[in-house]
């Protein structure tokens, strides 16, 4: 036991700090006591397995991977794409020197767009073309894209394009 004269000689701030420190030590002790000695009963896992609606044996994917959990090995996109209402666009060469042809935006992302063309002719992969919404004003800037993928369809071509320079939000929103 500490004599009252000794306690009177200790500054009040030091007494309060020692009391707070003792409280923190007690709280930490109780936390670790419950953390290490309070375990979840094993019956919980058994109960969940017994009453689960999920199948016990899930068949393996024949190709060995699930694209929703590990990502697709053949999808090289840097951003998720999204469908939307088709948007009519005009396409021209990189410098907008040739007469524009009509196309439609099939899907879009922040890194590129997929276009459908119903025109005759071919566009080689690696070609830079300019795209602008058909309903846009004449003063609207053309957006340059690189054709990364092309696919022949019954009606024309589907082009997978990547933006040369990602457009700002207001330009991107015009593509749907």
C-alpha atoms as a PDB file:
ATOM      1  CA  UNK A   1       0.000   0.000   0.000  1.00  0.00           C
ATOM      2  CA  UNK A   2       1.231   3.475  -0.862  1.00  0.00           C
ATOM      3  CA  UNK A   3       1.339   6.029   1.895  1.00  0.00           C
ATOM      4  CA  UNK A   4      -0.968   9.042   1.484  1.00  0.00           C
ATOM      5  CA  UNK A   5       1.998  11.414   1.765  1.00  0.00           C
ATOM      6  CA  UNK A   6       3.658   9.752  -1.263  1.00  0.00           C
ATOM      7  CA  UNK A   7       0.468  10.045  -3.314  1.00  0.00           C
ATOM      8  CA  UNK A   8       0.146  13.709  -2.415  1.00  0.00           C
ATOM      9  CA  UNK A   9       3.661  14.392  -3.717  1.00  0.00           C
ATOM     10  CA  UNK A  10       2.936  12.824  -7.194  1.00  0.00           C
ATOM     11  CA  UNK A  11       1.554  15.363  -9.713  1.00  0.00           C
ATOM     12  CA  UNK A  12      -2.110  14.878 -10.651  1.00  0.00           C
ATOM     13  CA  UNK A  13      -1.303  14.567 -14.351  1.00  0.00           C
ATOM     14  CA  UNK A  14       1.035  11.637 -13.661  1.00  0.00           C
ATOM     15  CA  UNK A  15      -1.611   9.884 -11.553  1.00  0.00           C
ATOM     16  CA  UNK A  16      -4.181  10.284 -14.333  1.00  0.00           C
ATOM     17  CA  UNK A  17      -1.700   8.993 -16.945  1.00  0.00           C
ATOM     18  CA  UNK A  18      -0.901   5.940 -14.808  1.00  0.00           C
ATOM     19  CA  UNK A  19      -4.624   5.237 -14.312  1.00  0.00           C
ATOM     20  CA  UNK A  20      -5.267   5.554 -18.073  1.00  0.00           C
ATOM     21  CA  UNK A  21      -2.308   3.285 -18.838  1.00  0.00           C
ATOM     22  CA  UNK A  22      -3.573   0.692 -16.378  1.00  0.00           C
ATOM     23  CA  UNK A  23      -6.989   0.836 -18.068  1.00  0.00           C
ATOM     24  CA  UNK A  24      -5.439   0.301 -21.520  1.00  0.00           C
ATOM     25  CA  UNK A  25      -3.415  -2.650 -20.260  1.00  0.00           C
ATOM     26  CA  UNK A  26      -6.548  -4.196 -18.732  1.00  0.00           C
ATOM     27  CA  UNK A  27      -8.545  -3.675 -21.978  1.00  0.00           C
ATOM     28  CA  UNK A  28      -5.750  -5.226 -24.075  1.00  0.00           C
ATOM     29  CA  UNK A  29      -5.554  -8.196 -21.706  1.00  0.00           C
ATOM     30  CA  UNK A  30      -9.306  -8.834 -21.950  1.00  0.00           C
ATOM     31  CA  UNK A  31      -9.219  -8.474 -25.756  1.00  0.00           C
ATOM     32  CA  UNK A  32      -6.432 -11.045 -26.149  1.00  0.00           C
ATOM     33  CA  UNK A  33      -8.053 -13.339 -23.605  1.00  0.00           C
ATOM     34  CA  UNK A  34     -11.277 -13.483 -25.662  1.00  0.00           C
ATOM     35  CA  UNK A  35      -9.411 -13.530 -28.962  1.00  0.00           C
ATOM     36  CA  UNK A  36      -7.429 -16.675 -28.146  1.00  0.00           C
ATOM     37  CA  UNK A  37      -9.832 -18.592 -25.952  1.00  0.00           C
ATOM     38  CA  UNK A  38     -13.192 -17.839 -27.566  1.00  0.00           C
ATOM     39  CA  UNK A  39     -13.337 -20.129 -30.607  1.00  0.00           C
ATOM     40  CA  UNK A  40     -16.247 -20.719 -32.982  1.00  0.00           C
ATOM     41  CA  UNK A  41     -17.806 -24.118 -32.256  1.00  0.00           C
ATOM     42  CA  UNK A  42     -17.081 -26.782 -34.874  1.00  0.00           C
ATOM     43  CA  UNK A  43     -20.785 -27.524 -35.121  1.00  0.00           C
ATOM     44  CA  UNK A  44     -21.331 -24.228 -36.974  1.00  0.00           C
ATOM     45  CA  UNK A  45     -19.385 -25.434 -40.021  1.00  0.00           C
ATOM     46  CA  UNK A  46     -21.062 -28.829 -39.926  1.00  0.00           C
ATOM     47  CA  UNK A  47     -24.484 -27.212 -39.597  1.00  0.00           C
ATOM     48  CA  UNK A  48     -23.803 -24.894 -42.549  1.00  0.00           C
ATOM     49  CA  UNK A  49     -22.588 -27.768 -44.728  1.00  0.00           C
ATOM     50  CA  UNK A  50     -25.632 -29.864 -43.835  1.00  0.00           C
ATOM     51  CA  UNK A  51     -28.173 -27.089 -44.491  1.00  0.00           C
ATOM     52  CA  UNK A  52     -26.493 -25.434 -47.465  1.00  0.00           C
ATOM     53  CA  UNK A  53     -28.431 -24.905 -50.695  1.00  0.00           C
ATOM     54  CA  UNK A  54     -25.222 -25.131 -52.715  1.00  0.00           C
ATOM     55  CA  UNK A  55     -24.333 -28.436 -54.380  1.00  0.00           C
ATOM     56  CA  UNK A  56     -21.704 -30.545 -52.647  1.00  0.00           C
ATOM     57  CA  UNK A  57     -19.759 -31.433 -55.774  1.00  0.00           C
ATOM     58  CA  UNK A  58     -19.416 -28.586 -58.241  1.00  0.00           C
ATOM     59  CA  UNK A  59     -18.178 -29.858 -61.621  1.00  0.00           C
ATOM     60  CA  UNK A  60     -14.892 -28.416 -62.864  1.00  0.00           C
ATOM     61  CA  UNK A  61     -14.903 -26.117 -65.862  1.00  0.00           C
ATOM     62  CA  UNK A  62     -13.774 -28.252 -68.842  1.00  0.00           C
ATOM     63  CA  UNK A  63     -11.347 -25.537 -69.920  1.00  0.00           C
ATOM     64  CA  UNK A  64      -9.892 -25.280 -66.435  1.00  0.00           C
ATOM     65  CA  UNK A  65     -10.822 -21.726 -65.481  1.00  0.00           C
ATOM     66  CA  UNK A  66     -13.845 -19.637 -64.728  1.00  0.00           C
ATOM     67  CA  UNK A  67     -13.706 -16.274 -66.528  1.00  0.00           C
ATOM     68  CA  UNK A  68     -15.756 -14.653 -63.766  1.00  0.00           C
ATOM     69  CA  UNK A  69     -13.286 -15.591 -61.037  1.00  0.00           C
ATOM     70  CA  UNK A  70      -9.940 -15.514 -62.818  1.00  0.00           C
ATOM     71  CA  UNK A  71     -10.654 -13.365 -65.855  1.00  0.00           C
ATOM     72  CA  UNK A  72     -10.736 -14.543 -69.410  1.00  0.00           C
ATOM     73  CA  UNK A  73      -7.450 -15.515 -71.026  1.00  0.00           C
ATOM     74  CA  UNK A  74      -8.524 -14.248 -74.438  1.00  0.00           C
ATOM     75  CA  UNK A  75     -10.116 -10.939 -73.418  1.00  0.00           C
ATOM     76  CA  UNK A  76      -7.449  -8.254 -73.686  1.00  0.00           C
ATOM     77  CA  UNK A  77      -9.558  -5.250 -72.775  1.00  0.00           C
ATOM     78  CA  UNK A  78      -8.183  -2.783 -70.275  1.00  0.00           C
ATOM     79  CA  UNK A  79     -11.656  -1.696 -69.160  1.00  0.00           C
ATOM     80  CA  UNK A  80     -15.058  -3.375 -68.988  1.00  0.00           C
ATOM     81  CA  UNK A  81     -17.296  -2.752 -71.965  1.00  0.00           C
ATOM     82  CA  UNK A  82     -20.986  -2.060 -71.853  1.00  0.00           C
ATOM     83  CA  UNK A  83     -23.823  -2.361 -74.294  1.00  0.00           C
ATOM     84  CA  UNK A  84     -26.310   0.410 -74.808  1.00  0.00           C
ATOM     85  CA  UNK A  85     -28.593   1.903 -77.388  1.00  0.00           C
ATOM     86  CA  UNK A  86     -26.986   1.848 -80.828  1.00  0.00           C
ATOM     87  CA  UNK A  87     -25.546   5.241 -81.742  1.00  0.00           C
ATOM     88  CA  UNK A  88     -25.210   6.246 -85.399  1.00  0.00           C
ATOM     89  CA  UNK A  89     -21.730   7.533 -86.175  1.00  0.00           C
ATOM     90  CA  UNK A  90     -19.757   8.799 -89.132  1.00  0.00           C
ATOM     91  CA  UNK A  91     -16.345   7.324 -89.958  1.00  0.00           C
ATOM     92  CA  UNK A  92     -13.567   8.823 -92.011  1.00  0.00           C
ATOM     93  CA  UNK A  93      -9.820   8.441 -92.408  1.00  0.00           C
ATOM     94  CA  UNK A  94      -7.374   9.690 -89.763  1.00  0.00           C
ATOM     95  CA  UNK A  95      -7.234  13.227 -91.224  1.00  0.00           C
ATOM     96  CA  UNK A  96     -10.964  13.376 -92.126  1.00  0.00           C
ATOM     97  CA  UNK A  97     -10.142  13.888 -95.799  1.00  0.00           C
ATOM     98  CA  UNK A  98     -12.434  11.256 -97.335  1.00  0.00           C
ATOM     99  CA  UNK A  99     -16.230  11.387 -97.440  1.00  0.00           C
ATOM    100  CA  UNK A 100     -17.571   9.902 -94.148  1.00  0.00           C
ATOM    101  CA  UNK A 101     -19.407   6.585 -94.135  1.00  0.00           C
ATOM    102  CA  UNK A 102     -22.156   5.535 -91.727  1.00  0.00           C
ATOM    103  CA  UNK A 103     -21.580   3.157 -88.829  1.00  0.00           C
ATOM    104  CA  UNK A 104     -23.188   2.171 -85.537  1.00  0.00           C
ATOM    105  CA  UNK A 105     -21.657   1.912 -82.053  1.00  0.00           C
ATOM    106  CA  UNK A 106     -22.418  -1.585 -80.689  1.00  0.00           C
ATOM    107  CA  UNK A 107     -20.665  -1.321 -77.321  1.00  0.00           C
ATOM    108  CA  UNK A 108     -18.294   1.037 -75.611  1.00  0.00           C
ATOM    109  CA  UNK A 109     -15.820   1.438 -72.756  1.00  0.00           C
ATOM    110  CA  UNK A 110     -13.478   4.156 -71.545  1.00  0.00           C
ATOM    111  CA  UNK A 111     -10.706   2.705 -73.726  1.00  0.00           C
ATOM    112  CA  UNK A 112     -12.551   2.018 -76.977  1.00  0.00           C
ATOM    113  CA  UNK A 113     -15.682   1.257 -78.998  1.00  0.00           C
ATOM    114  CA  UNK A 114     -17.019  -1.530 -81.190  1.00  0.00           C
ATOM    115  CA  UNK A 115     -18.445  -0.344 -84.512  1.00  0.00           C
ATOM    116  CA  UNK A 116     -20.607  -2.017 -87.120  1.00  0.00           C
ATOM    117  CA  UNK A 117     -20.217  -0.929 -90.753  1.00  0.00           C
ATOM    118  CA  UNK A 118     -22.630  -1.780 -93.539  1.00  0.00           C
ATOM    119  CA  UNK A 119     -20.367  -0.414 -96.262  1.00  0.00           C
ATOM    120  CA  UNK A 120     -18.411  -2.305 -98.886  1.00  0.00           C
ATOM    121  CA  UNK A 121     -14.629  -2.386 -98.619  1.00  0.00           C
ATOM    122  CA  UNK A 122     -12.159  -3.307 -95.921  1.00  0.00           C
ATOM    123  CA  UNK A 123     -10.447  -1.597 -93.036  1.00  0.00           C
ATOM    124  CA  UNK A 124      -7.167  -3.225 -92.036  1.00  0.00           C
ATOM    125  CA  UNK A 125      -6.206  -3.823 -88.425  1.00  0.00           C
ATOM    126  CA  UNK A 126      -3.863  -1.089 -87.209  1.00  0.00           C
ATOM    127  CA  UNK A 127      -5.566   1.571 -89.347  1.00  0.00           C
ATOM    128  CA  UNK A 128      -6.352   4.861 -87.623  1.00  0.00           C
ATOM    129  CA  UNK A 129      -9.816   6.186 -88.410  1.00  0.00           C
ATOM    130  CA  UNK A 130     -11.823   9.173 -87.149  1.00  0.00           C
ATOM    131  CA  UNK A 131     -15.275   8.755 -85.601  1.00  0.00           C
ATOM    132  CA  UNK A 132     -17.981  11.265 -84.688  1.00  0.00           C
ATOM    133  CA  UNK A 133     -21.632  10.838 -83.695  1.00  0.00           C
ATOM    134  CA  UNK A 134     -23.894  11.449 -86.688  1.00  0.00           C
ATOM    135  CA  UNK A 135     -26.214  13.671 -84.651  1.00  0.00           C
ATOM    136  CA  UNK A 136     -23.330  15.851 -83.416  1.00  0.00           C
ATOM    137  CA  UNK A 137     -22.803  19.424 -84.543  1.00  0.00           C
ATOM    138  CA  UNK A 138     -20.350  20.069 -87.378  1.00  0.00           C
ATOM    139  CA  UNK A 139     -18.068  21.795 -84.864  1.00  0.00           C
ATOM    140  CA  UNK A 140     -17.805  18.596 -82.779  1.00  0.00           C
ATOM    141  CA  UNK A 141     -14.273  17.210 -82.812  1.00  0.00           C
ATOM    142  CA  UNK A 142     -13.603  13.860 -84.464  1.00  0.00           C
ATOM    143  CA  UNK A 143     -12.237  11.149 -82.187  1.00  0.00           C
ATOM    144  CA  UNK A 144      -9.374   9.069 -83.559  1.00  0.00           C
ATOM    145  CA  UNK A 145      -9.355   5.313 -82.976  1.00  0.00           C
ATOM    146  CA  UNK A 146      -7.072   2.438 -83.974  1.00  0.00           C
ATOM    147  CA  UNK A 147      -8.740  -0.638 -85.459  1.00  0.00           C
ATOM    148  CA  UNK A 148      -7.531  -3.514 -83.265  1.00  0.00           C
ATOM    149  CA  UNK A 149      -9.897  -6.231 -84.476  1.00  0.00           C
ATOM    150  CA  UNK A 150     -12.144  -6.726 -87.481  1.00  0.00           C
ATOM    151  CA  UNK A 151     -14.714  -9.356 -88.270  1.00  0.00           C
ATOM    152  CA  UNK A 152     -16.650  -9.901 -91.488  1.00  0.00           C
ATOM    153  CA  UNK A 153     -20.392 -10.377 -91.030  1.00  0.00           C
ATOM    154  CA  UNK A 154     -23.238 -11.040 -93.443  1.00  0.00           C
ATOM    155  CA  UNK A 155     -24.096  -7.345 -93.552  1.00  0.00           C
ATOM    156  CA  UNK A 156     -20.654  -5.740 -93.362  1.00  0.00           C
ATOM    157  CA  UNK A 157     -17.904  -5.450 -90.758  1.00  0.00           C
ATOM    158  CA  UNK A 158     -17.564  -5.270 -86.995  1.00  0.00           C
ATOM    159  CA  UNK A 159     -14.530  -3.264 -85.883  1.00  0.00           C
ATOM    160  CA  UNK A 160     -13.053  -3.364 -82.394  1.00  0.00           C
ATOM    161  CA  UNK A 161     -11.373   0.001 -81.908  1.00  0.00           C
ATOM    162  CA  UNK A 162      -9.154   1.566 -79.258  1.00  0.00           C
ATOM    163  CA  UNK A 163      -9.048   5.304 -78.671  1.00  0.00           C
ATOM    164  CA  UNK A 164      -5.740   6.868 -79.767  1.00  0.00           C
ATOM    165  CA  UNK A 165      -6.194   9.407 -76.976  1.00  0.00           C
ATOM    166  CA  UNK A 166      -9.054   8.746 -74.541  1.00  0.00           C
ATOM    167  CA  UNK A 167     -11.679  11.442 -75.055  1.00  0.00           C
ATOM    168  CA  UNK A 168     -12.976  13.559 -72.208  1.00  0.00           C
ATOM    169  CA  UNK A 169     -16.249  12.625 -70.533  1.00  0.00           C
ATOM    170  CA  UNK A 170     -18.423  14.937 -72.611  1.00  0.00           C
ATOM    171  CA  UNK A 171     -17.127  13.452 -75.879  1.00  0.00           C
ATOM    172  CA  UNK A 172     -17.362   9.908 -74.545  1.00  0.00           C
ATOM    173  CA  UNK A 173     -20.978  10.358 -73.501  1.00  0.00           C
ATOM    174  CA  UNK A 174     -21.969  11.135 -77.097  1.00  0.00           C
ATOM    175  CA  UNK A 175     -21.097   7.544 -78.065  1.00  0.00           C
ATOM    176  CA  UNK A 176     -23.775   6.264 -75.687  1.00  0.00           C
END
